[in-house]
């Protein structure tokens, strides 16, 4: 369930690549999936810790989001 939408430009961001990013690999074989981790992390206004940005990618479109429990905060 989507609980909020926040502009990406309004957030504090940092680049934090994971092991597969550093090796030049994809997270899944096909490159598609519901929870593909990106190399970006953001700090939400209401939180003090950094959160990983994930992307749900199907076909040729993706939606980037941060998880809050089982809910999504969509970044646009």
Protein backbone atom coordinates (compact mmCIF):
# COMPACT_ATOMS: atom_id res chain seq x y z
CA UNK A 1 0.00 0.00 0.00
CA UNK A 2 1.31 3.46 -0.87
CA UNK A 3 1.15 5.71 2.17
CA UNK A 4 2.91 8.84 0.87
CA UNK A 5 4.61 10.48 -2.13
CA UNK A 6 7.72 12.63 -1.68
CA UNK A 7 9.76 14.53 -4.31
CA UNK A 8 13.23 12.98 -4.55
CA UNK A 9 14.89 16.41 -4.85
CA UNK A 10 13.60 17.48 -1.43
CA UNK A 11 15.43 14.65 0.40
CA UNK A 12 18.98 14.32 1.62
CA UNK A 13 20.61 11.57 -0.47
CA UNK A 14 23.84 9.61 -0.57
CA UNK A 15 25.36 7.07 -2.91
CA UNK A 16 25.83 3.71 -1.15
CA UNK A 17 26.40 0.99 -3.77
CA UNK A 18 25.93 -2.64 -2.79
CA UNK A 19 28.31 -5.47 -3.72
CA UNK A 20 26.53 -6.30 -7.00
CA UNK A 21 26.64 -2.62 -8.03
CA UNK A 22 30.40 -2.49 -7.49
CA UNK A 23 30.85 -5.65 -9.59
CA UNK A 24 28.72 -4.26 -12.43
CA UNK A 25 26.05 -6.94 -12.00
CA UNK A 26 22.25 -6.80 -11.96
CA UNK A 27 20.30 -7.81 -8.86
CA UNK A 28 18.17 -10.30 -10.81
CA UNK A 29 18.95 -12.26 -13.94
CA UNK A 30 16.28 -10.48 -15.99
CA UNK A 31 16.74 -7.04 -14.43
CA UNK A 32 13.05 -6.95 -13.52
CA UNK A 33 11.40 -7.37 -10.14
CA UNK A 34 9.34 -5.82 -7.39
CA UNK A 35 12.13 -4.95 -4.95
CA UNK A 36 15.31 -4.13 -6.86
CA UNK A 37 17.77 -2.24 -4.61
CA UNK A 38 19.33 0.88 -6.10
CA UNK A 39 22.69 2.40 -5.19
CA UNK A 40 20.94 5.38 -3.52
CA UNK A 41 19.89 5.93 0.07
CA UNK A 42 17.70 8.76 1.40
CA UNK A 43 16.94 10.27 4.75
CA UNK A 44 13.23 10.95 5.21
CA UNK A 45 12.17 14.16 7.00
CA UNK A 46 10.49 12.19 9.79
CA UNK A 47 13.37 9.71 10.31
CA UNK A 48 16.96 9.93 11.46
CA UNK A 49 18.31 6.84 9.71
CA UNK A 50 19.20 6.27 6.07
CA UNK A 51 16.85 4.11 4.00
CA UNK A 52 17.63 2.20 0.82
CA UNK A 53 15.74 3.25 -2.31
CA UNK A 54 14.16 0.28 -4.12
CA UNK A 55 12.66 0.15 -7.58
CA UNK A 56 9.78 -1.98 -8.85
CA UNK A 57 10.64 -2.58 -12.51
CA UNK A 58 8.35 -4.36 -14.97
CA UNK A 59 8.51 -3.96 -18.74
CA UNK A 60 10.19 -0.64 -19.44
CA UNK A 61 8.95 1.43 -16.49
CA UNK A 62 9.95 1.59 -12.84
CA UNK A 63 8.64 3.06 -9.61
CA UNK A 64 11.19 4.06 -6.97
CA UNK A 65 10.18 3.81 -3.33
CA UNK A 66 11.32 3.50 0.28
CA UNK A 67 9.75 0.91 2.54
CA UNK A 68 8.04 1.82 5.78
CA UNK A 69 7.11 -1.51 7.31
CA UNK A 70 5.19 -3.27 4.56
CA UNK A 71 4.03 0.04 3.02
CA UNK A 72 5.69 2.15 0.32
CA UNK A 73 6.67 5.80 0.29
CA UNK A 74 6.95 6.59 -3.43
CA UNK A 75 9.69 8.93 -4.62
CA UNK A 76 9.07 11.06 -7.70
